[in-house]
Protein backbone atom coordinates (compact mmCIF):
# COMPACT_ATOMS: atom_id res chain seq x y z
CA UNK A 1 -60.08 -25.42 -9.51
CA UNK A 2 -63.46 -24.04 -8.43
CA UNK A 3 -63.84 -22.36 -5.06
CA UNK A 4 -66.33 -23.55 -2.44
CA UNK A 5 -68.54 -20.58 -3.29
CA UNK A 6 -68.47 -21.35 -6.99
CA UNK A 7 -69.26 -25.02 -6.35
CA UNK A 8 -72.29 -24.10 -4.24
CA UNK A 9 -73.59 -21.56 -6.75
CA UNK A 10 -73.11 -23.97 -9.67
CA UNK A 11 -74.95 -26.76 -7.82
CA UNK A 12 -77.85 -24.43 -6.91
CA UNK A 13 -78.16 -23.18 -10.51
CA UNK A 14 -78.21 -26.68 -12.00
CA UNK A 15 -80.64 -28.04 -9.38
CA UNK A 16 -82.95 -25.08 -10.01
CA UNK A 17 -82.75 -25.29 -13.79
CA UNK A 18 -83.45 -29.05 -13.77
CA UNK A 19 -86.72 -28.34 -11.97
CA UNK A 20 -87.82 -25.13 -13.71
CA UNK A 21 -86.32 -25.22 -17.22
CA UNK A 22 -85.94 -21.45 -16.81
CA UNK A 23 -82.67 -19.45 -16.82
CA UNK A 24 -81.51 -18.77 -13.28
CA UNK A 25 -80.64 -15.23 -12.17
CA UNK A 26 -78.52 -13.95 -9.29
CA UNK A 27 -81.49 -12.54 -7.38
CA UNK A 28 -83.30 -15.88 -7.37
CA UNK A 29 -80.15 -17.60 -6.09
CA UNK A 30 -79.67 -15.04 -3.31
CA UNK A 31 -83.12 -15.93 -1.92
CA UNK A 32 -82.20 -19.58 -1.40
CA UNK A 33 -81.88 -20.71 2.22
CA UNK A 34 -78.45 -22.20 1.57
CA UNK A 35 -77.05 -18.98 0.05
CA UNK A 36 -75.66 -16.15 2.21
CA UNK A 37 -74.00 -14.11 -0.56
CA UNK A 38 -75.24 -10.84 -2.06
CA UNK A 39 -76.68 -10.63 -5.57
CA UNK A 40 -73.60 -8.68 -6.69
CA UNK A 41 -71.23 -11.37 -5.42
CA UNK A 42 -73.32 -14.08 -7.08
CA UNK A 43 -73.35 -12.19 -10.39
CA UNK A 44 -69.55 -11.98 -10.34
CA UNK A 45 -69.23 -15.70 -9.62
CA UNK A 46 -71.75 -16.53 -12.36
CA UNK A 47 -69.72 -14.49 -14.83
CA UNK A 48 -66.58 -16.40 -13.82
CA UNK A 49 -68.38 -19.75 -14.15
CA UNK A 50 -69.56 -18.72 -17.61
CA UNK A 51 -66.03 -17.76 -18.59
CA UNK A 52 -64.82 -21.16 -17.35
CA UNK A 53 -67.44 -22.88 -19.54
CA UNK A 54 -69.73 -24.25 -16.82
CA UNK A 55 -72.62 -21.86 -17.53
CA UNK A 56 -74.13 -20.28 -20.62
CA UNK A 57 -76.12 -17.07 -21.04
CA UNK A 58 -79.33 -17.10 -23.05
CA UNK A 59 -80.34 -14.29 -25.37
CA UNK A 60 -83.79 -13.86 -23.83
CA UNK A 61 -82.79 -13.50 -20.18
CA UNK A 62 -80.10 -12.16 -17.89
CA UNK A 63 -80.05 -15.55 -16.16
CA UNK A 64 -77.72 -18.45 -16.85
CA UNK A 65 -78.24 -22.07 -17.82
CA UNK A 66 -75.84 -25.01 -17.38
CA UNK A 67 -73.55 -25.97 -20.25
CA UNK A 68 -72.69 -29.57 -21.12
CA UNK A 69 -69.44 -29.08 -19.23
CA UNK A 70 -71.46 -27.86 -16.25
CA UNK A 71 -73.75 -30.91 -16.33
CA UNK A 72 -70.75 -33.23 -16.60
CA UNK A 73 -69.10 -31.64 -13.58
CA UNK A 74 -72.41 -31.80 -11.70
CA UNK A 75 -72.88 -35.53 -12.42
CA UNK A 76 -69.28 -36.38 -11.56
CA UNK A 77 -68.81 -34.24 -8.43
CA UNK A 78 -71.82 -32.26 -7.19
CA UNK A 79 -74.90 -34.44 -7.50
CA UNK A 80 -76.58 -35.43 -4.22
CA UNK A 81 -77.90 -38.98 -3.70
CA UNK A 82 -81.61 -39.36 -4.38
CA UNK A 83 -83.88 -41.31 -2.03
CA UNK A 84 -86.83 -42.87 -3.81
CA UNK A 85 -90.17 -42.19 -2.17
CA UNK A 86 -92.16 -45.01 -0.60
CA UNK A 87 -94.66 -44.69 -3.46
CA UNK A 88 -91.92 -45.06 -6.08
CA UNK A 89 -90.41 -48.06 -4.31
CA UNK A 90 -93.84 -49.71 -4.03
CA UNK A 91 -94.53 -49.05 -7.71
CA UNK A 92 -91.32 -50.83 -8.71
CA UNK A 93 -91.83 -53.74 -6.31
CA UNK A 94 -95.38 -54.23 -7.58
CA UNK A 95 -94.07 -54.57 -11.12
CA UNK A 96 -91.98 -57.56 -10.05
CA UNK A 97 -94.57 -59.27 -7.84
CA UNK A 98 -97.18 -59.85 -10.52
CA UNK A 99 -95.71 -63.29 -11.21
CA UNK A 100 -95.01 -62.49 -14.83
CA UNK A 101 -93.59 -65.61 -16.42
CA UNK A 102 -92.55 -64.36 -19.84
CA UNK A 103 -89.34 -62.48 -20.47
CA UNK A 104 -90.96 -60.07 -22.89
CA UNK A 105 -93.72 -59.10 -20.45
CA UNK A 106 -91.23 -58.42 -17.64
CA UNK A 107 -89.14 -56.21 -19.89
CA UNK A 108 -92.16 -54.35 -21.25
CA UNK A 109 -93.42 -53.78 -17.71
CA UNK A 110 -90.01 -52.53 -16.64
CA UNK A 111 -89.83 -50.08 -19.54
CA UNK A 112 -93.31 -48.80 -18.68
CA UNK A 113 -92.48 -48.36 -14.98
CA UNK A 114 -89.31 -46.46 -15.78
CA UNK A 115 -91.00 -44.06 -18.18
CA UNK A 116 -93.96 -43.51 -15.84
CA UNK A 117 -91.71 -42.63 -12.89
CA UNK A 118 -89.52 -40.21 -14.84
CA UNK A 119 -91.62 -38.82 -17.72
CA UNK A 120 -88.67 -39.61 -19.99
CA UNK A 121 -88.37 -42.19 -22.76
CA UNK A 122 -87.13 -45.59 -21.58
CA UNK A 123 -85.52 -48.16 -23.83
CA UNK A 124 -84.53 -51.64 -22.74
CA UNK A 125 -82.15 -53.65 -24.86
CA UNK A 126 -82.76 -57.36 -24.46
CA UNK A 127 -81.82 -60.63 -26.14
CA UNK A 128 -84.38 -61.23 -28.85
CA UNK A 129 -84.01 -64.98 -28.52
CA UNK A 130 -84.67 -65.44 -24.81
CA UNK A 131 -87.79 -67.54 -25.46
CA UNK A 132 -86.26 -69.22 -28.54
CA UNK A 133 -85.00 -72.76 -28.00
CA UNK A 134 -82.44 -74.79 -29.88
CA UNK A 135 -83.97 -77.63 -31.88
CA UNK A 136 -81.02 -78.99 -33.82
CA UNK A 137 -77.37 -78.35 -34.52
CA UNK A 138 -75.47 -79.62 -37.54
CA UNK A 139 -71.85 -79.14 -38.52
CA UNK A 140 -71.18 -79.90 -42.17
CA UNK A 141 -67.51 -80.07 -43.28
CA UNK A 142 -66.88 -78.23 -46.54
CA UNK A 143 -63.21 -79.12 -46.79
CA UNK A 144 -60.41 -80.40 -44.57
CA UNK A 145 -60.29 -77.21 -42.51
CA UNK A 146 -63.61 -75.46 -43.14
CA UNK A 147 -67.21 -76.20 -42.21
CA UNK A 148 -70.61 -74.62 -41.79
CA UNK A 149 -72.66 -74.82 -38.59
CA UNK A 150 -76.44 -74.85 -38.96
CA UNK A 151 -78.53 -73.91 -35.91
CA UNK A 152 -82.26 -74.61 -36.11
CA UNK A 153 -84.65 -73.21 -33.46
CA UNK A 154 -88.13 -74.19 -32.37
CA UNK A 155 -89.47 -71.07 -34.12
CA UNK A 156 -88.17 -72.29 -37.48
CA UNK A 157 -85.28 -69.86 -37.59
CA UNK A 158 -82.22 -71.29 -39.34
CA UNK A 159 -78.80 -69.72 -38.92
CA UNK A 160 -75.68 -70.61 -40.89
CA UNK A 161 -72.19 -69.87 -39.60
CA UNK A 162 -69.06 -70.62 -41.58
CA UNK A 163 -65.82 -71.20 -39.74
CA UNK A 164 -62.36 -72.74 -39.91
CA UNK A 165 -61.85 -76.09 -38.18
CA UNK A 166 -58.74 -76.06 -35.95
CA UNK A 167 -56.07 -78.43 -37.25
CA UNK A 168 -55.96 -80.39 -33.97
CA UNK A 169 -59.67 -81.30 -34.03
CA UNK A 170 -60.20 -84.64 -35.75
CA UNK A 171 -63.40 -85.52 -37.69
CA UNK A 172 -64.25 -88.11 -35.05
CA UNK A 173 -64.05 -85.52 -32.28
CA UNK A 174 -66.18 -83.14 -34.35
CA UNK A 175 -68.88 -85.79 -34.66
CA UNK A 176 -68.77 -86.53 -30.93
CA UNK A 177 -69.11 -82.84 -30.15
CA UNK A 178 -72.19 -82.50 -32.37
CA UNK A 179 -73.82 -85.56 -30.79
CA UNK A 180 -73.17 -84.24 -27.27
CA UNK A 181 -74.54 -80.81 -28.12
CA UNK A 182 -77.70 -82.14 -29.76
CA UNK A 183 -78.32 -84.47 -26.84
CA UNK A 184 -77.78 -81.89 -24.10
CA UNK A 185 -78.95 -78.67 -25.76
CA UNK A 186 -82.19 -79.79 -27.39
CA UNK A 187 -85.02 -77.58 -26.13
CA UNK A 188 -82.68 -75.30 -24.17
CA UNK A 189 -83.43 -71.55 -24.52
CA UNK A 190 -80.77 -69.85 -26.62
CA UNK A 191 -79.91 -67.49 -23.78
CA UNK A 192 -78.89 -70.46 -21.60
CA UNK A 193 -76.47 -72.02 -24.10
CA UNK A 194 -73.42 -70.34 -22.56
CA UNK A 195 -74.31 -71.62 -19.08
CA UNK A 196 -74.87 -75.15 -20.38
CA UNK A 197 -71.60 -75.12 -22.28
CA UNK A 198 -69.74 -73.88 -19.21
CA UNK A 199 -71.15 -76.57 -16.92
CA UNK A 200 -72.16 -80.13 -17.82
CA UNK A 201 -71.17 -79.98 -21.51
CA UNK A 202 -67.67 -78.85 -20.61
CA UNK A 203 -67.26 -81.98 -18.49
CA UNK A 204 -68.56 -84.23 -21.28
CA UNK A 205 -66.21 -82.67 -23.81
CA UNK A 206 -63.31 -83.18 -21.44
CA UNK A 207 -64.20 -86.86 -21.10
CA UNK A 208 -64.90 -87.64 -24.77
CA UNK A 209 -62.61 -85.46 -26.89
CA UNK A 210 -58.85 -85.57 -27.25
CA UNK A 211 -58.23 -81.82 -27.60
CA UNK A 212 -60.63 -80.51 -24.97
CA UNK A 213 -59.23 -77.00 -24.55
CA UNK A 214 -59.18 -76.28 -28.27
CA UNK A 215 -62.59 -77.84 -28.79
CA UNK A 216 -64.07 -75.76 -26.00
CA UNK A 217 -62.61 -72.48 -27.29
CA UNK A 218 -63.73 -73.39 -30.79
CA UNK A 219 -67.33 -73.93 -29.67
CA UNK A 220 -67.36 -70.64 -27.76
CA UNK A 221 -66.23 -68.64 -30.76
CA UNK A 222 -67.89 -70.55 -33.62
CA UNK A 223 -71.32 -71.41 -32.23
CA UNK A 224 -72.26 -69.14 -29.35
CA UNK A 225 -71.62 -65.68 -30.62
CA UNK A 226 -73.44 -62.61 -29.35
CA UNK A 227 -77.17 -63.03 -29.85
CA UNK A 228 -79.47 -60.66 -31.74
CA UNK A 229 -81.19 -57.90 -29.82
CA UNK A 230 -84.60 -56.35 -29.49
CA UNK A 231 -85.68 -52.95 -28.22
CA UNK A 232 -88.52 -52.38 -25.77
CA UNK A 233 -89.58 -48.72 -25.64
CA UNK A 234 -91.67 -47.03 -22.95
CA UNK A 235 -93.02 -43.48 -22.89
CA UNK A 236 -92.01 -42.67 -26.45
CA UNK A 237 -94.19 -39.55 -26.49
CA UNK A 238 -92.84 -38.30 -23.15
CA UNK A 239 -90.14 -36.38 -24.98
CA UNK A 240 -92.88 -34.15 -26.41
CA UNK A 241 -93.66 -32.90 -22.89
CA UNK A 242 -90.18 -31.48 -22.42
CA UNK A 243 -89.89 -27.75 -23.27
CA UNK A 244 -86.56 -28.37 -25.02
CA UNK A 245 -88.34 -30.41 -27.68
CA UNK A 246 -90.88 -28.01 -29.14
CA UNK A 247 -88.90 -28.09 -32.40
CA UNK A 248 -90.66 -30.68 -34.59
CA UNK A 249 -87.56 -31.36 -36.67
CA UNK A 250 -85.56 -32.11 -33.52
CA UNK A 251 -88.22 -34.60 -32.36
CA UNK A 252 -88.46 -36.19 -35.80
CA UNK A 253 -84.72 -36.82 -35.87
CA UNK A 254 -84.81 -38.38 -32.40
CA UNK A 255 -87.77 -40.64 -33.25
CA UNK A 256 -86.11 -41.73 -36.49
CA UNK A 257 -83.01 -42.73 -34.55
CA UNK A 258 -85.04 -44.77 -32.05
CA UNK A 259 -86.63 -46.66 -34.95
CA UNK A 260 -83.19 -47.72 -36.21
CA UNK A 261 -82.68 -50.77 -33.99
CA UNK A 262 -79.09 -51.46 -34.98
CA UNK A 263 -78.00 -47.86 -34.43
CA UNK A 264 -79.79 -47.46 -31.11
CA UNK A 265 -78.52 -50.86 -29.91
CA UNK A 266 -74.94 -49.77 -30.52
CA UNK A 267 -75.62 -46.50 -28.72
CA UNK A 268 -77.21 -48.19 -25.70
CA UNK A 269 -74.83 -51.07 -25.27
CA UNK A 270 -73.21 -50.80 -21.83
CA UNK A 271 -70.23 -53.11 -21.45
CA UNK A 272 -69.71 -52.32 -17.77
CA UNK A 273 -71.68 -53.07 -14.62
CA UNK A 274 -71.69 -49.37 -13.73
CA UNK A 275 -74.21 -46.67 -14.49
CA UNK A 276 -73.09 -44.79 -17.60
CA UNK A 277 -74.08 -41.15 -18.28
CA UNK A 278 -73.50 -39.47 -21.64
CA UNK A 279 -74.50 -35.84 -22.04
CA UNK A 280 -75.37 -33.94 -25.21
CA UNK A 281 -72.58 -34.08 -27.76
CA UNK A 282 -70.82 -36.82 -25.78
CA UNK A 283 -73.33 -39.03 -27.63
CA UNK A 284 -71.94 -39.94 -31.04
CA UNK A 285 -75.32 -39.73 -32.80
CA UNK A 286 -76.28 -36.28 -34.02
CA UNK A 287 -79.97 -36.75 -33.11
CA UNK A 288 -78.88 -37.07 -29.45
CA UNK A 289 -76.93 -33.80 -29.25
CA UNK A 290 -79.68 -32.17 -27.15
CA UNK A 291 -80.25 -35.26 -24.99
CA UNK A 292 -78.69 -37.11 -22.12
CA UNK A 293 -78.57 -40.90 -22.06
CA UNK A 294 -78.21 -42.90 -18.85
CA UNK A 295 -77.71 -46.67 -19.03
CA UNK A 296 -77.39 -49.61 -16.66
CA UNK A 297 -76.99 -53.31 -17.41
CA UNK A 298 -78.89 -56.34 -16.13
CA UNK A 299 -77.45 -59.83 -16.00
CA UNK A 300 -78.01 -63.55 -15.76
CA UNK A 301 -75.22 -64.96 -13.64
CA UNK A 302 -72.01 -63.56 -15.11
CA UNK A 303 -73.65 -63.01 -18.50
CA UNK A 304 -74.89 -59.50 -19.29
CA UNK A 305 -78.35 -59.92 -20.78
CA UNK A 306 -79.02 -56.36 -21.86
CA UNK A 307 -79.20 -52.67 -21.09
CA UNK A 308 -81.76 -50.40 -19.44
CA UNK A 309 -81.67 -46.80 -20.68
CA UNK A 310 -83.42 -43.48 -20.26
CA UNK A 311 -83.34 -40.72 -22.86
CA UNK A 312 -84.26 -37.20 -21.82
CA UNK A 313 -83.13 -33.60 -22.15
CA UNK A 314 -79.71 -32.60 -20.85
CA UNK A 315 -81.78 -30.98 -18.08
CA UNK A 316 -82.45 -34.46 -16.74
CA UNK A 317 -83.05 -35.36 -13.10
CA UNK A 318 -79.77 -37.26 -13.03
CA UNK A 319 -79.79 -38.27 -9.38
CA UNK A 320 -83.33 -39.66 -9.49
CA UNK A 321 -82.76 -41.50 -12.76
CA UNK A 322 -79.55 -43.11 -11.51
CA UNK A 323 -81.31 -44.30 -8.34
CA UNK A 324 -84.19 -45.74 -10.37
CA UNK A 325 -81.87 -47.53 -12.80
CA UNK A 326 -79.89 -49.06 -9.93
CA UNK A 327 -83.06 -50.42 -8.33
CA UNK A 328 -84.63 -51.60 -11.57
CA UNK A 329 -81.50 -53.32 -12.92
CA UNK A 330 -81.10 -55.09 -9.56
CA UNK A 331 -84.72 -56.28 -9.64
CA UNK A 332 -84.44 -57.51 -13.23
CA UNK A 333 -81.20 -59.34 -12.48
CA UNK A 334 -82.76 -61.04 -9.43
CA UNK A 335 -85.88 -61.98 -11.40
CA UNK A 336 -83.96 -63.62 -14.23
CA UNK A 337 -81.64 -65.36 -11.78
CA UNK A 338 -84.68 -66.89 -10.04
CA UNK A 339 -86.07 -68.02 -13.38
CA UNK A 340 -82.79 -69.62 -14.33
CA UNK A 341 -82.54 -71.44 -11.01
CA UNK A 342 -86.09 -72.77 -11.42
CA UNK A 343 -85.29 -73.83 -14.98
CA UNK A 344 -82.18 -75.64 -13.81
CA UNK A 345 -84.05 -77.37 -11.00
CA UNK A 346 -86.73 -78.40 -13.48
CA UNK A 347 -84.14 -80.11 -15.69
CA UNK A 348 -82.59 -82.01 -12.76
């Protein structure tokens, strides 16, 4: 249990180091307006904080720097809320008032805004098939209890999915289901298939199939699995401006990881609605051991569409980044909700 004095000194050290990237000494802390302790007292407390694992001592200076444990404690308990400036708020609002009508352009703009406002590298994980529309669906029985589903899109992409047909679903019901889906889902963007299935198609299945519940569950699992993803990167070279990344090998490893879409997608995926902060070796990928990763999700209705992320040094401006991600994820969610409502109204 840290004392009030230790908490204050730890917060001051981390706040100072985030801004300066220089080890913090007791004399510098004693000059702060919020500090009333002597340099000797501060040195003793810093030594205790180092022994407890919250601070580390560098070889080149008598000052201290935060450890990963120190950053984690700071994020969880000490960090002060950050108020975005009027300029930053205007910059974000402007990005969403340009009447962009394509998903990809909105996401690219969002990634650019985030990297420009932080000088970190932003990555947005989005459904690759947002603009892709379903053209045709076929279900071809292979045997009594197995079949293959063929999904054809307007871009020419063909996807095959093999599955087991539930015993209770009769061939006649299977044919009715395919006819309903082709009639109601033709030309519908892939990202909207879940919503369509949950609304009008659910009612049609209930009216025209004998085993509605099993047919519905079967369609959810067999046809509308998780969609492929695409990465949108902003400020990729920003990492070079951080003093922690003067080591070329360290930068090369990080860039190589970002190029691996499957690996980075797994790293970024945020299955909660909350902001998620992973620091240094909390990240499972070795290339991220000197970085912090902060993620937030954006949604369409109850469906999570993707993840917004910032990668930077462990000396990241956590409070500012969290505030920015909250605002940006909210704006993206509202934008896509408006699009979906317009799309729905256009079909009615």
